[in-house]
């Protein structure tokens, strides 16, 4: 189950270890399939984004941890971090 924390200016999502493994595999596949997008700019943006997510998820997977991206405000890139267990204050989604 995905957990999350909503703060005054941001949102943090906590993926479990199993979800992080699935995310790593899925994001890698998306990065490969992105080559089929006809618009070259869009395909590069999708491939790069999925590749970064896959890289971070693979790193968390190797450490045996979950991935927790945190957004501060709208339109700002998420800040990833790794964790063992979601905090007690996180709510189930």
PDB file of N, CA and C in Angstrom:
ATOM      1  N   UNK A   1       0.839  -1.169   0.000  1.00  0.00           N
ATOM      2  CA  UNK A   1       0.000   0.000   0.000  1.00  0.00           C
ATOM      3  C   UNK A   1       0.892   1.243   0.000  1.00  0.00           C
ATOM      4  N   UNK A   2       0.532   2.202  -0.829  1.00  0.00           N
ATOM      5  CA  UNK A   2       1.288   3.449  -0.922  1.00  0.00           C
ATOM      6  C   UNK A   2       0.899   4.353   0.245  1.00  0.00           C
ATOM      7  N   UNK A   3       1.890   4.982   0.846  1.00  0.00           N
ATOM      8  CA  UNK A   3       1.651   5.944   1.914  1.00  0.00           C
ATOM      9  C   UNK A   3       2.066   7.328   1.421  1.00  0.00           C
ATOM     10  N   UNK A   4       1.481   8.344   2.009  1.00  0.00           N
ATOM     11  CA  UNK A   4       1.838   9.701   1.615  1.00  0.00           C
ATOM     12  C   UNK A   4       1.744  10.642   2.813  1.00  0.00           C
ATOM     13  N   UNK A   5       2.422  11.762   2.679  1.00  0.00           N
ATOM     14  CA  UNK A   5       2.340  12.845   3.659  1.00  0.00           C
ATOM     15  C   UNK A   5       2.114  14.135   2.884  1.00  0.00           C
ATOM     16  N   UNK A   6       1.118  14.870   3.288  1.00  0.00           N
ATOM     17  CA  UNK A   6       0.873  16.176   2.679  1.00  0.00           C
ATOM     18  C   UNK A   6       1.301  17.223   3.692  1.00  0.00           C
ATOM     19  N   UNK A   7       2.184  18.081   3.259  1.00  0.00           N
ATOM     20  CA  UNK A   7       2.661  19.150   4.126  1.00  0.00           C
ATOM     21  C   UNK A   7       2.157  20.472   3.572  1.00  0.00           C
ATOM     22  N   UNK A   8       2.450  21.529   4.247  1.00  0.00           N
ATOM     23  CA  UNK A   8       1.915  22.829   3.843  1.00  0.00           C
ATOM     24  C   UNK A   8       2.277  23.192   2.409  1.00  0.00           C
ATOM     25  N   UNK A   9       3.516  22.952   2.006  1.00  0.00           N
ATOM     26  CA  UNK A   9       3.953  23.339   0.679  1.00  0.00           C
ATOM     27  C   UNK A   9       4.403  22.167  -0.175  1.00  0.00           C
ATOM     28  N   UNK A  10       4.014  20.956   0.170  1.00  0.00           N
ATOM     29  CA  UNK A  10       4.500  19.847  -0.633  1.00  0.00           C
ATOM     30  C   UNK A  10       3.801  18.542  -0.363  1.00  0.00           C
ATOM     31  N   UNK A  11       4.277  17.518  -1.037  1.00  0.00           N
ATOM     32  CA  UNK A  11       3.708  16.183  -0.954  1.00  0.00           C
ATOM     33  C   UNK A  11       4.847  15.177  -1.051  1.00  0.00           C
ATOM     34  N   UNK A  12       4.803  14.142  -0.228  1.00  0.00           N
ATOM     35  CA  UNK A  12       5.776  13.064  -0.273  1.00  0.00           C
ATOM     36  C   UNK A  12       5.029  11.754  -0.412  1.00  0.00           C
ATOM     37  N   UNK A  13       5.463  10.920  -1.346  1.00  0.00           N
ATOM     38  CA  UNK A  13       4.867   9.602  -1.549  1.00  0.00           C
ATOM     39  C   UNK A  13       5.916   8.561  -1.165  1.00  0.00           C
ATOM     40  N   UNK A  14       5.500   7.560  -0.394  1.00  0.00           N
ATOM     41  CA  UNK A  14       6.417   6.500   0.054  1.00  0.00           C
ATOM     42  C   UNK A  14       6.035   5.193  -0.633  1.00  0.00           C
ATOM     43  N   UNK A  15       6.875   4.711  -1.529  1.00  0.00           N
ATOM     44  CA  UNK A  15       6.654   3.425  -2.177  1.00  0.00           C
ATOM     45  C   UNK A  15       7.318   2.324  -1.356  1.00  0.00           C
ATOM     46  N   UNK A  16       6.655   1.180  -1.219  1.00  0.00           N
ATOM     47  CA  UNK A  16       7.244   0.057  -0.501  1.00  0.00           C
ATOM     48  C   UNK A  16       8.391  -0.524  -1.322  1.00  0.00           C
ATOM     49  N   UNK A  17       9.125  -1.440  -0.734  1.00  0.00           N
ATOM     50  CA  UNK A  17      10.227  -2.089  -1.450  1.00  0.00           C
ATOM     51  C   UNK A  17       9.725  -2.817  -2.690  1.00  0.00           C
ATOM     52  N   UNK A  18       8.596  -3.525  -2.566  1.00  0.00           N
ATOM     53  CA  UNK A  18       8.036  -4.260  -3.704  1.00  0.00           C
ATOM     54  C   UNK A  18       7.572  -3.306  -4.793  1.00  0.00           C
ATOM     55  N   UNK A  19       6.939  -2.219  -4.404  1.00  0.00           N
ATOM     56  CA  UNK A  19       6.486  -1.226  -5.380  1.00  0.00           C
ATOM     57  C   UNK A  19       7.673  -0.550  -6.058  1.00  0.00           C
ATOM     58  N   UNK A  20       8.747  -0.355  -5.310  1.00  0.00           N
ATOM     59  CA  UNK A  20       9.954   0.237  -5.886  1.00  0.00           C
ATOM     60  C   UNK A  20      10.552  -0.691  -6.937  1.00  0.00           C
ATOM     61  N   UNK A  21      10.546  -1.999  -6.682  1.00  0.00           N
ATOM     62  CA  UNK A  21      11.034  -2.967  -7.675  1.00  0.00           C
ATOM     63  C   UNK A  21      10.180  -2.920  -8.930  1.00  0.00           C
ATOM     64  N   UNK A  22       8.851  -2.884  -8.761  1.00  0.00           N
ATOM     65  CA  UNK A  22       7.948  -2.788  -9.912  1.00  0.00           C
ATOM     66  C   UNK A  22       8.173  -1.487 -10.674  1.00  0.00           C
ATOM     67  N   UNK A  23       8.373  -0.408  -9.942  1.00  0.00           N
ATOM     68  CA  UNK A  23       8.619   0.893 -10.560  1.00  0.00           C
ATOM     69  C   UNK A  23       9.906   0.883 -11.379  1.00  0.00           C
ATOM     70  N   UNK A  24      10.932   0.243 -10.864  1.00  0.00           N
ATOM     71  CA  UNK A  24      12.211   0.153 -11.583  1.00  0.00           C
ATOM     72  C   UNK A  24      12.031  -0.578 -12.913  1.00  0.00           C
ATOM     73  N   UNK A  25      11.331  -1.703 -12.883  1.00  0.00           N
ATOM     74  CA  UNK A  25      11.117  -2.479 -14.105  1.00  0.00           C
ATOM     75  C   UNK A  25      10.224  -1.745 -15.099  1.00  0.00           C
ATOM     76  N   UNK A  26       9.148  -1.148 -14.607  1.00  0.00           N
ATOM     77  CA  UNK A  26       8.194  -0.456 -15.472  1.00  0.00           C
ATOM     78  C   UNK A  26       8.811   0.788 -16.105  1.00  0.00           C
ATOM     79  N   UNK A  27       9.542   1.559 -15.325  1.00  0.00           N
ATOM     80  CA  UNK A  27      10.148   2.783 -15.847  1.00  0.00           C
ATOM     81  C   UNK A  27      11.208   2.453 -16.899  1.00  0.00           C
ATOM     82  N   UNK A  28      11.920   1.360 -16.718  1.00  0.00           N
ATOM     83  CA  UNK A  28      12.899   0.941 -17.729  1.00  0.00           C
ATOM     84  C   UNK A  28      12.196   0.614 -19.043  1.00  0.00           C
ATOM     85  N   UNK A  29      11.069  -0.065 -18.958  1.00  0.00           N
ATOM     86  CA  UNK A  29      10.303  -0.412 -20.160  1.00  0.00           C
ATOM     87  C   UNK A  29       9.771   0.842 -20.851  1.00  0.00           C
ATOM     88  N   UNK A  30       9.290   1.797 -20.068  1.00  0.00           N
ATOM     89  CA  UNK A  30       8.780   3.048 -20.641  1.00  0.00           C
ATOM     90  C   UNK A  30       9.895   3.802 -21.360  1.00  0.00           C
ATOM     91  N   UNK A  31      11.074   3.820 -20.787  1.00  0.00           N
ATOM     92  CA  UNK A  31      12.202   4.501 -21.426  1.00  0.00           C
ATOM     93  C   UNK A  31      12.533   3.881 -22.777  1.00  0.00           C
ATOM     94  N   UNK A  32      12.410   2.571 -22.877  1.00  0.00           N
ATOM     95  CA  UNK A  32      12.685   1.883 -24.148  1.00  0.00           C
ATOM     96  C   UNK A  32      11.587   2.161 -25.164  1.00  0.00           C
ATOM     97  N   UNK A  33      10.325   2.092 -24.734  1.00  0.00           N
ATOM     98  CA  UNK A  33       9.189   2.300 -25.636  1.00  0.00           C
ATOM     99  C   UNK A  33       9.109   3.756 -26.095  1.00  0.00           C
ATOM    100  N   UNK A  34       9.661   4.679 -25.323  1.00  0.00           N
ATOM    101  CA  UNK A  34       9.611   6.106 -25.674  1.00  0.00           C
ATOM    102  C   UNK A  34      10.267   6.387 -27.017  1.00  0.00           C
ATOM    103  N   UNK A  35      11.148   5.523 -27.457  1.00  0.00           N
ATOM    104  CA  UNK A  35      11.798   5.710 -28.762  1.00  0.00           C
ATOM    105  C   UNK A  35      10.788   5.662 -29.900  1.00  0.00           C
ATOM    106  N   UNK A  36       9.633   5.054 -29.670  1.00  0.00           N
ATOM    107  CA  UNK A  36       8.611   4.944 -30.711  1.00  0.00           C
ATOM    108  C   UNK A  36       7.750   6.204 -30.835  1.00  0.00           C
ATOM    109  N   UNK A  37       7.889   7.159 -29.943  1.00  0.00           N
ATOM    110  CA  UNK A  37       7.109   8.400 -30.026  1.00  0.00           C
ATOM    111  C   UNK A  37       7.614   9.203 -31.221  1.00  0.00           C
ATOM    112  N   UNK A  38       6.704   9.588 -32.141  1.00  0.00           N
ATOM    113  CA  UNK A  38       7.140  10.265 -33.372  1.00  0.00           C
ATOM    114  C   UNK A  38       7.808  11.627 -33.153  1.00  0.00           C
ATOM    115  N   UNK A  39       7.346  12.393 -32.196  1.00  0.00           N
ATOM    116  CA  UNK A  39       7.936  13.706 -31.930  1.00  0.00           C
ATOM    117  C   UNK A  39       9.266  13.509 -31.200  1.00  0.00           C
ATOM    118  N   UNK A  40      10.344  13.981 -31.804  1.00  0.00           N
ATOM    119  CA  UNK A  40      11.670  13.718 -31.231  1.00  0.00           C
ATOM    120  C   UNK A  40      11.869  14.388 -29.872  1.00  0.00           C
ATOM    121  N   UNK A  41      11.345  15.592 -29.702  1.00  0.00           N
ATOM    122  CA  UNK A  41      11.496  16.263 -28.409  1.00  0.00           C
ATOM    123  C   UNK A  41      10.731  15.533 -27.318  1.00  0.00           C
ATOM    124  N   UNK A  42       9.496  15.178 -27.601  1.00  0.00           N
ATOM    125  CA  UNK A  42       8.675  14.466 -26.615  1.00  0.00           C
ATOM    126  C   UNK A  42       9.287  13.117 -26.265  1.00  0.00           C
ATOM    127  N   UNK A  43       9.794  12.407 -27.255  1.00  0.00           N
ATOM    128  CA  UNK A  43      10.375  11.091 -26.987  1.00  0.00           C
ATOM    129  C   UNK A  43      11.602  11.214 -26.089  1.00  0.00           C
ATOM    130  N   UNK A  44      12.400  12.258 -26.298  1.00  0.00           N
ATOM    131  CA  UNK A  44      13.587  12.463 -25.464  1.00  0.00           C
ATOM    132  C   UNK A  44      13.202  12.820 -24.025  1.00  0.00           C
ATOM    133  N   UNK A  45      12.175  13.662 -23.865  1.00  0.00           N
ATOM    134  CA  UNK A  45      11.735  14.059 -22.523  1.00  0.00           C
ATOM    135  C   UNK A  45      11.186  12.854 -21.770  1.00  0.00           C
ATOM    136  N   UNK A  46      10.344  12.052 -22.431  1.00  0.00           N
ATOM    137  CA  UNK A  46       9.763  10.869 -21.795  1.00  0.00           C
ATOM    138  C   UNK A  46      10.859   9.856 -21.456  1.00  0.00           C
ATOM    139  N   UNK A  47      11.762   9.615 -22.403  1.00  0.00           N
ATOM    140  CA  UNK A  47      12.840   8.647 -22.172  1.00  0.00           C
ATOM    141  C   UNK A  47      13.750   9.091 -21.021  1.00  0.00           C
ATOM    142  N   UNK A  48      14.097  10.374 -20.983  1.00  0.00           N
ATOM    143  CA  UNK A  48      14.977  10.877 -19.917  1.00  0.00           C
ATOM    144  C   UNK A  48      14.289  10.797 -18.559  1.00  0.00           C
ATOM    145  N   UNK A  49      13.025  11.200 -18.493  1.00  0.00           N
ATOM    146  CA  UNK A  49      12.287  11.156 -17.229  1.00  0.00           C
ATOM    147  C   UNK A  49      12.152   9.731 -16.710  1.00  0.00           C
ATOM    148  N   UNK A  50      11.737   8.828 -17.586  1.00  0.00           N
ATOM    149  CA  UNK A  50      11.583   7.423 -17.185  1.00  0.00           C
ATOM    150  C   UNK A  50      12.931   6.813 -16.821  1.00  0.00           C
ATOM    151  N   UNK A  51      13.974   7.195 -17.544  1.00  0.00           N
ATOM    152  CA  UNK A  51      15.311   6.685 -17.244  1.00  0.00           C
ATOM    153  C   UNK A  51      15.802   7.113 -15.874  1.00  0.00           C
ATOM    154  N   UNK A  52      15.539   8.361 -15.501  1.00  0.00           N
ATOM    155  CA  UNK A  52      15.947   8.852 -14.173  1.00  0.00           C
ATOM    156  C   UNK A  52      15.174   8.127 -13.076  1.00  0.00           C
ATOM    157  N   UNK A  53      13.866   7.955 -13.277  1.00  0.00           N
ATOM    158  CA  UNK A  53      13.059   7.235 -12.289  1.00  0.00           C
ATOM    159  C   UNK A  53      13.563   5.798 -12.159  1.00  0.00           C
ATOM    160  N   UNK A  54      13.840   5.145 -13.293  1.00  0.00           N
ATOM    161  CA  UNK A  54      14.341   3.768 -13.262  1.00  0.00           C
ATOM    162  C   UNK A  54      15.677   3.686 -12.537  1.00  0.00           C
ATOM    163  N   UNK A  55      16.554   4.638 -12.795  1.00  0.00           N
ATOM    164  CA  UNK A  55      17.868   4.662 -12.145  1.00  0.00           C
ATOM    165  C   UNK A  55      17.731   4.792 -10.627  1.00  0.00           C
ATOM    166  N   UNK A  56      16.891   5.728 -10.184  1.00  0.00           N
ATOM    167  CA  UNK A  56      16.690   5.919  -8.743  1.00  0.00           C
ATOM    168  C   UNK A  56      16.039   4.704  -8.102  1.00  0.00           C
ATOM    169  N   UNK A  57      15.054   4.120  -8.788  1.00  0.00           N
ATOM    170  CA  UNK A  57      14.374   2.944  -8.244  1.00  0.00           C
ATOM    171  C   UNK A  57      15.324   1.743  -8.184  1.00  0.00           C
ATOM    172  N   UNK A  58      16.182   1.581  -9.192  1.00  0.00           N
ATOM    173  CA  UNK A  58      17.166   0.496  -9.177  1.00  0.00           C
ATOM    174  C   UNK A  58      18.148   0.680  -8.018  1.00  0.00           C
ATOM    175  N   UNK A  59      18.531   1.930  -7.771  1.00  0.00           N
ATOM    176  CA  UNK A  59      19.464   2.212  -6.665  1.00  0.00           C
ATOM    177  C   UNK A  59      18.819   1.849  -5.322  1.00  0.00           C
ATOM    178  N   UNK A  60      17.556   2.235  -5.148  1.00  0.00           N
ATOM    179  CA  UNK A  60      16.840   1.884  -3.913  1.00  0.00           C
ATOM    180  C   UNK A  60      16.687   0.372  -3.793  1.00  0.00           C
ATOM    181  N   UNK A  61      16.420  -0.284  -4.925  1.00  0.00           N
ATOM    182  CA  UNK A  61      16.256  -1.746  -4.943  1.00  0.00           C
ATOM    183  C   UNK A  61      17.544  -2.442  -4.493  1.00  0.00           C
ATOM    184  N   UNK A  62      18.689  -1.971  -4.989  1.00  0.00           N
ATOM    185  CA  UNK A  62      19.983  -2.550  -4.589  1.00  0.00           C
ATOM    186  C   UNK A  62      20.249  -2.359  -3.109  1.00  0.00           C
ATOM    187  N   UNK A  63      19.785  -1.241  -2.551  1.00  0.00           N
ATOM    188  CA  UNK A  63      19.978  -0.970  -1.126  1.00  0.00           C
ATOM    189  C   UNK A  63      18.943  -1.691  -0.259  1.00  0.00           C
ATOM    190  N   UNK A  64      17.930  -2.296  -0.901  1.00  0.00           N
ATOM    191  CA  UNK A  64      16.875  -2.960  -0.152  1.00  0.00           C
ATOM    192  C   UNK A  64      15.947  -1.968   0.531  1.00  0.00           C
ATOM    193  N   UNK A  65      15.776  -0.801  -0.091  1.00  0.00           N
ATOM    194  CA  UNK A  65      14.951   0.242   0.497  1.00  0.00           C
ATOM    195  C   UNK A  65      13.826   0.638  -0.457  1.00  0.00           C
ATOM    196  N   UNK A  66      12.925   1.477   0.042  1.00  0.00           N
ATOM    197  CA  UNK A  66      11.850   2.010  -0.783  1.00  0.00           C
ATOM    198  C   UNK A  66      12.246   3.377  -1.325  1.00  0.00           C
ATOM    199  N   UNK A  67      11.536   3.825  -2.361  1.00  0.00           N
ATOM    200  CA  UNK A  67      11.797   5.130  -2.967  1.00  0.00           C
ATOM    201  C   UNK A  67      10.717   6.091  -2.505  1.00  0.00           C
ATOM    202  N   UNK A  68      11.098   7.296  -2.138  1.00  0.00           N
ATOM    203  CA  UNK A  68      10.151   8.296  -1.675  1.00  0.00           C
ATOM    204  C   UNK A  68      10.388   9.634  -2.331  1.00  0.00           C
ATOM    205  N   UNK A  69       9.736   9.921  -3.475  1.00  0.00           N
ATOM    206  CA  UNK A  69       9.891  11.243  -4.072  1.00  0.00           C
ATOM    207  C   UNK A  69       9.096  12.283  -3.286  1.00  0.00           C
ATOM    208  N   UNK A  70       9.636  13.479  -3.176  1.00  0.00           N
ATOM    209  CA  UNK A  70       9.011  14.559  -2.424  1.00  0.00           C
ATOM    210  C   UNK A  70       8.927  15.793  -3.315  1.00  0.00           C
ATOM    211  N   UNK A  71       7.725  16.339  -3.456  1.00  0.00           N
ATOM    212  CA  UNK A  71       7.521  17.537  -4.259  1.00  0.00           C
ATOM    213  C   UNK A  71       7.290  18.722  -3.346  1.00  0.00           C
ATOM    214  N   UNK A  72       7.917  19.847  -3.678  1.00  0.00           N
ATOM    215  CA  UNK A  72       7.685  21.087  -2.936  1.00  0.00           C
ATOM    216  C   UNK A  72       7.108  22.080  -3.931  1.00  0.00           C
ATOM    217  N   UNK A  73       5.832  22.356  -3.812  1.00  0.00           N
ATOM    218  CA  UNK A  73       5.162  23.261  -4.736  1.00  0.00           C
ATOM    219  C   UNK A  73       4.851  22.579  -6.057  1.00  0.00           C
ATOM    220  N   UNK A  74       4.135  23.276  -6.903  1.00  0.00           N
ATOM    221  CA  UNK A  74       3.770  22.726  -8.207  1.00  0.00           C
ATOM    222  C   UNK A  74       4.841  23.060  -9.240  1.00  0.00           C
ATOM    223  N   UNK A  75       5.088  22.143 -10.127  1.00  0.00           N
ATOM    224  CA  UNK A  75       6.024  22.376 -11.205  1.00  0.00           C
ATOM    225  C   UNK A  75       7.488  22.249 -10.833  1.00  0.00           C
ATOM    226  N   UNK A  76       7.769  21.841  -9.618  1.00  0.00           N
ATOM    227  CA  UNK A  76       9.156  21.667  -9.187  1.00  0.00           C
ATOM    228  C   UNK A  76       9.484  20.182  -9.244  1.00  0.00           C
ATOM    229  N   UNK A  77      10.645  19.858  -9.753  1.00  0.00           N
ATOM    230  CA  UNK A  77      11.047  18.449  -9.871  1.00  0.00           C
ATOM    231  C   UNK A  77      11.093  17.790  -8.497  1.00  0.00           C
ATOM    232  N   UNK A  78      10.691  16.520  -8.417  1.00  0.00           N
ATOM    233  CA  UNK A  78      10.705  15.840  -7.119  1.00  0.00           C
ATOM    234  C   UNK A  78      12.124  15.578  -6.617  1.00  0.00           C
ATOM    235  N   UNK A  79      12.270  15.587  -5.315  1.00  0.00           N
ATOM    236  CA  UNK A  79      13.533  15.265  -4.666  1.00  0.00           C
ATOM    237  C   UNK A  79      13.436  13.839  -4.150  1.00  0.00           C
ATOM    238  N   UNK A  80      14.217  12.912  -4.694  1.00  0.00           N
ATOM    239  CA  UNK A  80      14.107  11.514  -4.243  1.00  0.00           C
ATOM    240  C   UNK A  80      14.910  11.257  -2.976  1.00  0.00           C
ATOM    241  N   UNK A  81      14.464  10.308  -2.205  1.00  0.00           N
ATOM    242  CA  UNK A  81      15.225   9.821  -1.065  1.00  0.00           C
ATOM    243  C   UNK A  81      14.847   8.373  -0.834  1.00  0.00           C
ATOM    244  N   UNK A  82      15.637   7.687  -0.034  1.00  0.00           N
ATOM    245  CA  UNK A  82      15.433   6.274   0.213  1.00  0.00           C
ATOM    246  C   UNK A  82      15.095   6.071   1.685  1.00  0.00           C
ATOM    247  N   UNK A  83      14.282   5.069   2.008  1.00  0.00           N
ATOM    248  CA  UNK A  83      13.858   4.856   3.379  1.00  0.00           C
ATOM    249  C   UNK A  83      13.625   3.377   3.628  1.00  0.00           C
ATOM    250  N   UNK A  84      13.645   3.000   4.885  1.00  0.00           N
ATOM    251  CA  UNK A  84      13.356   1.621   5.283  1.00  0.00           C
ATOM    252  C   UNK A  84      11.856   1.412   5.459  1.00  0.00           C
ATOM    253  N   UNK A  85      11.220   2.264   6.231  1.00  0.00           N
ATOM    254  CA  UNK A  85       9.781   2.194   6.505  1.00  0.00           C
ATOM    255  C   UNK A  85       9.207   3.603   6.440  1.00  0.00           C
ATOM    256  N   UNK A  86       7.951   3.753   5.945  1.00  0.00           N
ATOM    257  CA  UNK A  86       7.346   5.087   5.959  1.00  0.00           C
ATOM    258  C   UNK A  86       7.168   5.570   7.400  1.00  0.00           C
ATOM    259  N   UNK A  87       7.200   6.878   7.612  1.00  0.00           N
ATOM    260  CA  UNK A  87       7.006   7.385   8.978  1.00  0.00           C
ATOM    261  C   UNK A  87       5.596   7.091   9.485  1.00  0.00           C
ATOM    262  N   UNK A  88       5.437   7.082  10.779  1.00  0.00           N
ATOM    263  CA  UNK A  88       4.136   6.794  11.384  1.00  0.00           C
ATOM    264  C   UNK A  88       3.074   7.825  11.026  1.00  0.00           C
ATOM    265  N   UNK A  89       3.515   9.023  10.658  1.00  0.00           N
ATOM    266  CA  UNK A  89       2.566  10.088  10.321  1.00  0.00           C
ATOM    267  C   UNK A  89       2.015   9.966   8.909  1.00  0.00           C
ATOM    268  N   UNK A  90       2.611   9.103   8.078  1.00  0.00           N
ATOM    269  CA  UNK A  90       2.161   8.954   6.682  1.00  0.00           C
ATOM    270  C   UNK A  90       0.814   8.220   6.646  1.00  0.00           C
ATOM    271  N   UNK A  91      -0.058   8.684   5.756  1.00  0.00           N
ATOM    272  CA  UNK A  91      -1.383   8.068   5.598  1.00  0.00           C
ATOM    273  C   UNK A  91      -1.369   7.082   4.449  1.00  0.00           C
ATOM    274  N   UNK A  92      -2.183   6.047   4.543  1.00  0.00           N
ATOM    275  CA  UNK A  92      -2.308   5.072   3.456  1.00  0.00           C
ATOM    276  C   UNK A  92      -3.170   5.673   2.356  1.00  0.00           C
ATOM    277  N   UNK A  93      -2.827   5.398   1.128  1.00  0.00           N
ATOM    278  CA  UNK A  93      -3.571   5.911  -0.022  1.00  0.00           C
ATOM    279  C   UNK A  93      -4.601   4.923  -0.469  1.00  0.00           C
TER     280      UNK A  93
END
